[in-house]
Amino acid sequence: MNDLISRLLAHDRIRAARHHIERTDEGTLARQAALSAIPAPTGAEGRRAAHVAELFRTIGLCDVMVDHAGNVHGWLGKNGEKSAPVVLAAHLDTVFGAEVDVAVERRGQRLEGASGSRARAFRTTRAASPRWSRWRRRWSRHACR
């Protein structure tokens, strides 16, 4: 393994972050499955955007809003003080029409459902997981690219 990567992985803050990801993995997957199960064909992402906005409020973001284009914004700060921006950008829409069942089910260590939603739900968290290599090998055989 590259020496720089080894040093980064040994850093206390990185180890703490990885521990947090592992500890909260089941809850993260459950939220992703629930979010992916909300139909969101292009131009009709409102229900999914409202759900994302509620998730933002739940984790403590302030000034959460859905803008005219359907983007969800929120700020992390204490007592009304806004921090420097950190941007998380992702599509809310799916490639499927409203008639397609986009529910996601857990099958062992995999989330399965309509391919676009499944791939999007998977990619949002797995890159940070210490088990990423194992998941990536399994997933690469199934994901739509």
N, C-alpha and C. Protein backbone atom coordinates (compact mmCIF):
# COMPACT_ATOMS: atom_id res chain seq x y z
N MET A 1 0.85 -1.18 0.00
CA MET A 1 0.00 0.00 0.00
C MET A 1 0.89 1.24 0.00
N ASN A 2 0.47 2.23 -0.70
CA ASN A 2 1.20 3.49 -0.78
C ASN A 2 1.45 4.02 0.63
N ASP A 3 2.66 4.52 0.89
CA ASP A 3 3.03 5.03 2.22
C ASP A 3 2.14 6.19 2.66
N LEU A 4 1.80 7.07 1.74
CA LEU A 4 0.94 8.21 2.07
C LEU A 4 -0.44 7.72 2.52
N ILE A 5 -0.99 6.75 1.81
CA ILE A 5 -2.30 6.20 2.19
C ILE A 5 -2.21 5.52 3.54
N SER A 6 -1.15 4.78 3.77
CA SER A 6 -0.97 4.12 5.07
C SER A 6 -0.94 5.14 6.21
N ARG A 7 -0.20 6.23 5.99
CA ARG A 7 -0.14 7.27 7.03
C ARG A 7 -1.50 7.92 7.24
N LEU A 8 -2.22 8.19 6.16
CA LEU A 8 -3.55 8.78 6.30
C LEU A 8 -4.49 7.85 7.06
N LEU A 9 -4.48 6.58 6.72
CA LEU A 9 -5.37 5.62 7.39
C LEU A 9 -5.02 5.44 8.86
N ALA A 10 -3.78 5.71 9.23
CA ALA A 10 -3.36 5.60 10.63
C ALA A 10 -3.67 6.86 11.43
N HIS A 11 -4.01 7.95 10.77
CA HIS A 11 -4.29 9.22 11.46
C HIS A 11 -5.53 9.06 12.34
N ASP A 12 -5.46 9.60 13.57
CA ASP A 12 -6.56 9.44 14.53
C ASP A 12 -7.89 9.94 14.01
N ARG A 13 -7.91 11.06 13.33
CA ARG A 13 -9.18 11.62 12.83
C ARG A 13 -9.75 10.76 11.71
N ILE A 14 -8.90 10.22 10.87
CA ILE A 14 -9.36 9.33 9.79
C ILE A 14 -9.90 8.04 10.40
N ARG A 15 -9.18 7.50 11.37
CA ARG A 15 -9.65 6.27 12.03
C ARG A 15 -10.98 6.50 12.72
N ALA A 16 -11.14 7.67 13.36
CA ALA A 16 -12.42 7.99 14.02
C ALA A 16 -13.54 8.11 13.00
N ALA A 17 -13.26 8.73 11.87
CA ALA A 17 -14.28 8.88 10.82
C ALA A 17 -14.67 7.51 10.26
N ARG A 18 -13.70 6.65 10.01
CA ARG A 18 -14.01 5.31 9.52
C ARG A 18 -14.82 4.52 10.54
N HIS A 19 -14.47 4.66 11.82
CA HIS A 19 -15.23 3.98 12.87
C HIS A 19 -16.68 4.47 12.88
N HIS A 20 -16.87 5.78 12.73
CA HIS A 20 -18.23 6.33 12.68
C HIS A 20 -19.00 5.76 11.49
N ILE A 21 -18.38 5.69 10.34
CA ILE A 21 -19.04 5.15 9.15
C ILE A 21 -19.45 3.70 9.39
N GLU A 22 -18.55 2.91 9.94
CA GLU A 22 -18.87 1.51 10.22
C GLU A 22 -19.99 1.38 11.24
N ARG A 23 -19.93 2.20 12.30
CA ARG A 23 -20.91 2.13 13.38
C ARG A 23 -22.31 2.54 12.90
N THR A 24 -22.39 3.47 11.96
CA THR A 24 -23.68 3.99 11.51
C THR A 24 -24.10 3.43 10.15
N ASP A 25 -23.40 2.43 9.68
CA ASP A 25 -23.62 1.88 8.35
C ASP A 25 -25.07 1.42 8.14
N GLU A 26 -25.64 0.67 9.07
CA GLU A 26 -27.00 0.15 8.89
C GLU A 26 -28.02 1.29 8.77
N GLY A 27 -27.88 2.31 9.60
CA GLY A 27 -28.79 3.45 9.52
C GLY A 27 -28.64 4.20 8.21
N THR A 28 -27.41 4.35 7.76
CA THR A 28 -27.15 5.02 6.48
C THR A 28 -27.80 4.25 5.34
N LEU A 29 -27.63 2.94 5.32
CA LEU A 29 -28.22 2.13 4.27
C LEU A 29 -29.75 2.19 4.32
N ALA A 30 -30.32 2.19 5.51
CA ALA A 30 -31.78 2.27 5.64
C ALA A 30 -32.30 3.61 5.09
N ARG A 31 -31.61 4.72 5.42
CA ARG A 31 -32.02 6.02 4.88
C ARG A 31 -31.89 6.07 3.37
N GLN A 32 -30.82 5.50 2.84
CA GLN A 32 -30.64 5.49 1.39
C GLN A 32 -31.72 4.66 0.70
N ALA A 33 -32.05 3.52 1.27
CA ALA A 33 -33.09 2.69 0.69
C ALA A 33 -34.43 3.42 0.71
N ALA A 34 -34.75 4.08 1.82
CA ALA A 34 -36.02 4.82 1.91
C ALA A 34 -36.04 5.98 0.91
N LEU A 35 -34.95 6.69 0.78
CA LEU A 35 -34.87 7.80 -0.16
C LEU A 35 -35.00 7.30 -1.60
N SER A 36 -34.33 6.21 -1.92
CA SER A 36 -34.38 5.66 -3.27
C SER A 36 -35.76 5.12 -3.62
N ALA A 37 -36.55 4.77 -2.62
CA ALA A 37 -37.89 4.22 -2.86
C ALA A 37 -38.93 5.30 -3.19
N ILE A 38 -38.56 6.56 -3.10
CA ILE A 38 -39.48 7.65 -3.44
C ILE A 38 -39.36 7.90 -4.94
N PRO A 39 -40.42 7.68 -5.70
CA PRO A 39 -40.35 7.91 -7.15
C PRO A 39 -39.94 9.36 -7.43
N ALA A 40 -39.03 9.53 -8.39
CA ALA A 40 -38.54 10.87 -8.71
C ALA A 40 -38.16 10.96 -10.19
N PRO A 41 -39.14 10.74 -11.09
CA PRO A 41 -38.80 10.90 -12.50
C PRO A 41 -38.41 12.34 -12.79
N THR A 42 -37.60 12.53 -13.82
CA THR A 42 -37.13 13.86 -14.17
C THR A 42 -38.30 14.83 -14.29
N GLY A 43 -38.19 15.96 -13.60
CA GLY A 43 -39.24 16.97 -13.59
C GLY A 43 -40.26 16.79 -12.48
N ALA A 44 -40.18 15.69 -11.77
CA ALA A 44 -41.14 15.41 -10.68
C ALA A 44 -40.40 14.91 -9.44
N GLU A 45 -39.36 15.62 -9.06
CA GLU A 45 -38.53 15.20 -7.93
C GLU A 45 -38.98 15.81 -6.60
N GLY A 46 -40.10 16.50 -6.59
CA GLY A 46 -40.54 17.25 -5.41
C GLY A 46 -40.63 16.45 -4.13
N ARG A 47 -41.23 15.26 -4.18
CA ARG A 47 -41.35 14.44 -2.97
C ARG A 47 -39.98 14.04 -2.43
N ARG A 48 -39.10 13.66 -3.34
CA ARG A 48 -37.76 13.26 -2.91
C ARG A 48 -37.00 14.46 -2.36
N ALA A 49 -37.12 15.61 -2.99
CA ALA A 49 -36.46 16.82 -2.50
C ALA A 49 -36.97 17.18 -1.11
N ALA A 50 -38.27 17.07 -0.89
CA ALA A 50 -38.84 17.37 0.43
C ALA A 50 -38.28 16.41 1.48
N HIS A 51 -38.10 15.15 1.11
CA HIS A 51 -37.55 14.17 2.04
C HIS A 51 -36.08 14.51 2.36
N VAL A 52 -35.31 14.89 1.34
CA VAL A 52 -33.91 15.28 1.57
C VAL A 52 -33.87 16.50 2.49
N ALA A 53 -34.75 17.47 2.25
CA ALA A 53 -34.79 18.67 3.10
C ALA A 53 -35.08 18.28 4.55
N GLU A 54 -35.99 17.34 4.75
CA GLU A 54 -36.30 16.89 6.12
C GLU A 54 -35.09 16.18 6.73
N LEU A 55 -34.38 15.38 5.95
CA LEU A 55 -33.16 14.73 6.46
C LEU A 55 -32.13 15.79 6.85
N PHE A 56 -31.99 16.83 6.03
CA PHE A 56 -31.06 17.92 6.36
C PHE A 56 -31.43 18.57 7.69
N ARG A 57 -32.73 18.83 7.88
CA ARG A 57 -33.17 19.45 9.14
C ARG A 57 -32.90 18.51 10.32
N THR A 58 -33.14 17.23 10.12
CA THR A 58 -32.94 16.24 11.17
C THR A 58 -31.50 16.21 11.67
N ILE A 59 -30.54 16.40 10.77
CA ILE A 59 -29.13 16.37 11.19
C ILE A 59 -28.65 17.72 11.67
N GLY A 60 -29.54 18.72 11.68
CA GLY A 60 -29.18 20.00 12.28
C GLY A 60 -28.78 21.11 11.32
N LEU A 61 -28.97 20.92 10.03
CA LEU A 61 -28.68 22.02 9.11
C LEU A 61 -29.73 23.11 9.31
N CYS A 62 -29.33 24.36 9.09
CA CYS A 62 -30.27 25.47 9.22
C CYS A 62 -30.52 26.10 7.86
N ASP A 63 -31.55 26.92 7.79
CA ASP A 63 -31.93 27.60 6.55
C ASP A 63 -32.08 26.61 5.40
N VAL A 64 -32.70 25.47 5.68
CA VAL A 64 -32.91 24.45 4.66
C VAL A 64 -34.03 24.90 3.73
N MET A 65 -33.80 24.77 2.43
CA MET A 65 -34.82 25.15 1.46
C MET A 65 -34.66 24.35 0.18
N VAL A 66 -35.75 24.25 -0.56
CA VAL A 66 -35.74 23.68 -1.90
C VAL A 66 -35.94 24.86 -2.84
N ASP A 67 -34.99 25.10 -3.74
CA ASP A 67 -35.10 26.27 -4.62
C ASP A 67 -36.01 25.99 -5.82
N HIS A 68 -36.17 26.99 -6.68
CA HIS A 68 -37.08 26.89 -7.82
C HIS A 68 -36.70 25.78 -8.80
N ALA A 69 -35.43 25.38 -8.83
CA ALA A 69 -34.98 24.31 -9.72
C ALA A 69 -35.06 22.94 -9.06
N GLY A 70 -35.46 22.90 -7.78
CA GLY A 70 -35.56 21.64 -7.07
C GLY A 70 -34.31 21.24 -6.30
N ASN A 71 -33.31 22.11 -6.26
CA ASN A 71 -32.10 21.83 -5.48
C ASN A 71 -32.38 22.05 -4.01
N VAL A 72 -31.80 21.20 -3.17
CA VAL A 72 -31.98 21.31 -1.72
C VAL A 72 -30.72 21.94 -1.14
N HIS A 73 -30.90 23.01 -0.36
CA HIS A 73 -29.78 23.73 0.25
C HIS A 73 -29.94 23.70 1.77
N GLY A 74 -28.84 23.71 2.47
CA GLY A 74 -28.86 23.83 3.92
C GLY A 74 -27.49 24.28 4.40
N TRP A 75 -27.46 24.90 5.56
CA TRP A 75 -26.21 25.40 6.14
C TRP A 75 -25.94 24.73 7.47
N LEU A 76 -24.68 24.45 7.72
CA LEU A 76 -24.25 23.92 9.01
C LEU A 76 -23.66 25.07 9.79
N GLY A 77 -24.19 25.33 10.95
CA GLY A 77 -23.68 26.42 11.77
C GLY A 77 -24.33 26.40 13.13
N LYS A 78 -23.77 27.17 14.05
CA LYS A 78 -24.30 27.25 15.41
C LYS A 78 -24.80 28.66 15.66
N ASN A 79 -25.93 28.76 16.32
CA ASN A 79 -26.49 30.06 16.71
C ASN A 79 -26.60 31.02 15.53
N GLY A 80 -26.99 30.51 14.38
CA GLY A 80 -27.18 31.37 13.22
C GLY A 80 -25.91 31.71 12.47
N GLU A 81 -24.74 31.30 12.97
CA GLU A 81 -23.48 31.58 12.27
C GLU A 81 -23.27 30.49 11.22
N LYS A 82 -23.12 30.92 9.99
CA LYS A 82 -22.92 29.96 8.90
C LYS A 82 -21.44 29.66 8.73
N SER A 83 -21.16 28.40 8.45
CA SER A 83 -19.76 27.99 8.24
C SER A 83 -19.39 28.15 6.78
N ALA A 84 -18.14 27.89 6.48
CA ALA A 84 -17.69 27.89 5.08
C ALA A 84 -18.46 26.80 4.34
N PRO A 85 -18.77 27.02 3.09
CA PRO A 85 -19.59 26.04 2.37
C PRO A 85 -18.86 24.72 2.11
N VAL A 86 -19.60 23.66 2.24
CA VAL A 86 -19.20 22.34 1.80
C VAL A 86 -20.32 21.90 0.88
N VAL A 87 -19.99 21.54 -0.32
CA VAL A 87 -21.01 21.23 -1.32
C VAL A 87 -21.14 19.73 -1.50
N LEU A 88 -22.37 19.25 -1.43
CA LEU A 88 -22.70 17.88 -1.77
C LEU A 88 -23.66 17.99 -2.94
N ALA A 89 -23.26 17.47 -4.07
CA ALA A 89 -24.10 17.58 -5.27
C ALA A 89 -24.44 16.18 -5.78
N ALA A 90 -25.71 15.96 -6.03
CA ALA A 90 -26.16 14.68 -6.57
C ALA A 90 -27.52 14.89 -7.24
N HIS A 91 -27.83 14.05 -8.19
CA HIS A 91 -29.13 14.10 -8.83
C HIS A 91 -30.19 13.53 -7.90
N LEU A 92 -31.35 14.16 -7.86
CA LEU A 92 -32.48 13.61 -7.12
C LEU A 92 -33.36 12.76 -8.03
N ASP A 93 -33.30 13.02 -9.33
CA ASP A 93 -34.20 12.30 -10.24
C ASP A 93 -33.66 10.93 -10.60
N THR A 94 -34.56 10.10 -11.10
CA THR A 94 -34.21 8.77 -11.58
C THR A 94 -34.41 8.74 -13.09
N VAL A 95 -33.93 7.71 -13.70
CA VAL A 95 -34.13 7.55 -15.14
C VAL A 95 -35.46 6.85 -15.42
N PHE A 96 -36.19 6.51 -14.38
CA PHE A 96 -37.42 5.75 -14.52
C PHE A 96 -38.64 6.66 -14.44
N GLY A 97 -39.69 6.27 -15.12
CA GLY A 97 -40.97 6.95 -15.01
C GLY A 97 -41.62 6.61 -13.68
N ALA A 98 -42.70 7.34 -13.37
CA ALA A 98 -43.39 7.16 -12.09
C ALA A 98 -43.98 5.76 -11.93
N GLU A 99 -44.21 5.05 -13.04
CA GLU A 99 -44.83 3.73 -12.97
C GLU A 99 -43.85 2.63 -12.54
N VAL A 100 -42.56 2.91 -12.53
CA VAL A 100 -41.56 1.90 -12.18
C VAL A 100 -41.37 1.86 -10.66
N ASP A 101 -41.41 0.65 -10.12
CA ASP A 101 -41.20 0.47 -8.69
C ASP A 101 -39.71 0.67 -8.40
N VAL A 102 -39.39 1.71 -7.64
CA VAL A 102 -37.98 2.01 -7.33
C VAL A 102 -37.60 1.60 -5.91
N ALA A 103 -38.43 0.75 -5.30
CA ALA A 103 -38.13 0.28 -3.95
C ALA A 103 -36.79 -0.47 -3.94
N VAL A 104 -36.09 -0.34 -2.85
CA VAL A 104 -34.80 -1.00 -2.67
C VAL A 104 -34.94 -1.99 -1.52
N GLU A 105 -34.44 -3.19 -1.75
CA GLU A 105 -34.49 -4.22 -0.73
C GLU A 105 -33.08 -4.65 -0.36
N ARG A 106 -32.94 -5.03 0.89
CA ARG A 106 -31.66 -5.55 1.37
C ARG A 106 -31.65 -7.04 1.13
N ARG A 107 -30.64 -7.52 0.45
CA ARG A 107 -30.46 -8.96 0.23
C ARG A 107 -29.04 -9.28 0.66
N GLY A 108 -28.92 -9.79 1.87
CA GLY A 108 -27.59 -10.04 2.42
C GLY A 108 -26.87 -8.72 2.60
N GLN A 109 -25.72 -8.60 1.99
CA GLN A 109 -24.94 -7.36 2.11
C GLN A 109 -25.19 -6.43 0.94
N ARG A 110 -26.21 -6.69 0.15
CA ARG A 110 -26.47 -5.87 -1.04
C ARG A 110 -27.80 -5.16 -0.94
N LEU A 111 -27.85 -3.98 -1.55
CA LEU A 111 -29.11 -3.28 -1.79
C LEU A 111 -29.47 -3.55 -3.23
N GLU A 112 -30.71 -3.96 -3.47
CA GLU A 112 -31.13 -4.25 -4.84
C GLU A 112 -32.44 -3.56 -5.13
N GLY A 113 -32.59 -3.12 -6.35
CA GLY A 113 -33.80 -2.47 -6.79
C GLY A 113 -33.64 -2.07 -8.24
N ALA A 114 -34.43 -1.10 -8.67
CA ALA A 114 -34.30 -0.60 -10.04
C ALA A 114 -32.87 -0.09 -10.22
N SER A 115 -32.25 -0.40 -11.32
CA SER A 115 -30.81 -0.21 -11.46
C SER A 115 -30.31 1.20 -11.21
N GLY A 116 -30.96 2.24 -11.69
CA GLY A 116 -30.47 3.61 -11.48
C GLY A 116 -30.51 3.99 -10.01
N SER A 117 -31.61 3.71 -9.34
CA SER A 117 -31.72 4.03 -7.92
C SER A 117 -30.74 3.20 -7.11
N ARG A 118 -30.63 1.94 -7.46
CA ARG A 118 -29.73 1.05 -6.73
C ARG A 118 -28.30 1.55 -6.84
N ALA A 119 -27.88 1.87 -8.05
CA ALA A 119 -26.52 2.33 -8.24
C ALA A 119 -26.28 3.64 -7.52
N ARG A 120 -27.24 4.56 -7.59
CA ARG A 120 -27.06 5.86 -6.94
C ARG A 120 -26.99 5.69 -5.42
N ALA A 121 -27.86 4.88 -4.85
CA ALA A 121 -27.85 4.67 -3.40
C ALA A 121 -26.54 4.05 -2.96
N PHE A 122 -26.06 3.12 -3.75
CA PHE A 122 -24.82 2.45 -3.41
C PHE A 122 -23.64 3.41 -3.45
N ARG A 123 -23.54 4.18 -4.51
CA ARG A 123 -22.37 5.02 -4.70
C ARG A 123 -22.26 6.15 -3.70
N THR A 124 -23.36 6.59 -3.10
CA THR A 124 -23.29 7.74 -2.23
C THR A 124 -22.53 7.47 -0.95
N THR A 125 -22.48 6.23 -0.48
CA THR A 125 -21.78 5.99 0.78
C THR A 125 -20.63 5.01 0.69
N ARG A 126 -20.67 4.09 -0.23
CA ARG A 126 -19.71 3.00 -0.20
C ARG A 126 -18.28 3.42 -0.45
N ALA A 127 -18.05 4.49 -1.16
CA ALA A 127 -16.67 4.89 -1.44
C ALA A 127 -15.91 5.18 -0.15
N ALA A 128 -16.61 5.56 0.91
CA ALA A 128 -15.95 5.89 2.17
C ALA A 128 -15.84 4.68 3.10
N SER A 129 -16.42 3.58 2.74
CA SER A 129 -16.45 2.41 3.62
C SER A 129 -15.13 1.64 3.58
N PRO A 130 -14.67 1.18 4.74
CA PRO A 130 -13.47 0.36 4.76
C PRO A 130 -13.66 -0.96 4.02
N ARG A 131 -14.91 -1.34 3.82
CA ARG A 131 -15.18 -2.58 3.09
C ARG A 131 -15.37 -2.32 1.60
N TRP A 132 -15.00 -1.13 1.14
CA TRP A 132 -15.26 -0.71 -0.23
C TRP A 132 -14.74 -1.70 -1.26
N SER A 133 -13.53 -2.20 -1.12
CA SER A 133 -12.97 -3.09 -2.14
C SER A 133 -13.84 -4.32 -2.34
N ARG A 134 -14.26 -4.92 -1.24
CA ARG A 134 -15.11 -6.11 -1.34
C ARG A 134 -16.42 -5.77 -2.01
N TRP A 135 -17.05 -4.66 -1.60
CA TRP A 135 -18.32 -4.25 -2.19
C TRP A 135 -18.14 -3.90 -3.66
N ARG A 136 -17.06 -3.19 -3.99
CA ARG A 136 -16.84 -2.76 -5.37
C ARG A 136 -16.74 -3.97 -6.29
N ARG A 137 -16.01 -4.99 -5.85
CA ARG A 137 -15.87 -6.18 -6.69
C ARG A 137 -17.23 -6.83 -6.94
N ARG A 138 -18.04 -6.94 -5.89
CA ARG A 138 -19.37 -7.54 -6.05
C ARG A 138 -20.26 -6.66 -6.90
N TRP A 139 -20.21 -5.37 -6.64
CA TRP A 139 -21.13 -4.43 -7.29
C TRP A 139 -20.82 -4.24 -8.76
N SER A 140 -19.55 -4.29 -9.14
CA SER A 140 -19.17 -3.99 -10.51
C SER A 140 -19.80 -4.96 -11.50
N ARG A 141 -20.19 -6.11 -11.02
CA ARG A 141 -20.85 -7.07 -11.90
C ARG A 141 -22.32 -6.73 -12.12
N HIS A 142 -22.89 -5.83 -11.29
CA HIS A 142 -24.33 -5.60 -11.32
C HIS A 142 -24.74 -4.17 -11.63
N ALA A 143 -23.88 -3.21 -11.37
CA ALA A 143 -24.29 -1.80 -11.48
C ALA A 143 -24.38 -1.33 -12.92
N CYS A 144 -25.33 -0.45 -13.17
CA CYS A 144 -25.43 0.21 -14.46
C CYS A 144 -24.42 1.34 -14.48
N ARG A 145 -23.76 1.51 -15.53
CA ARG A 145 -22.75 2.57 -15.61
C ARG A 145 -23.13 3.57 -16.65
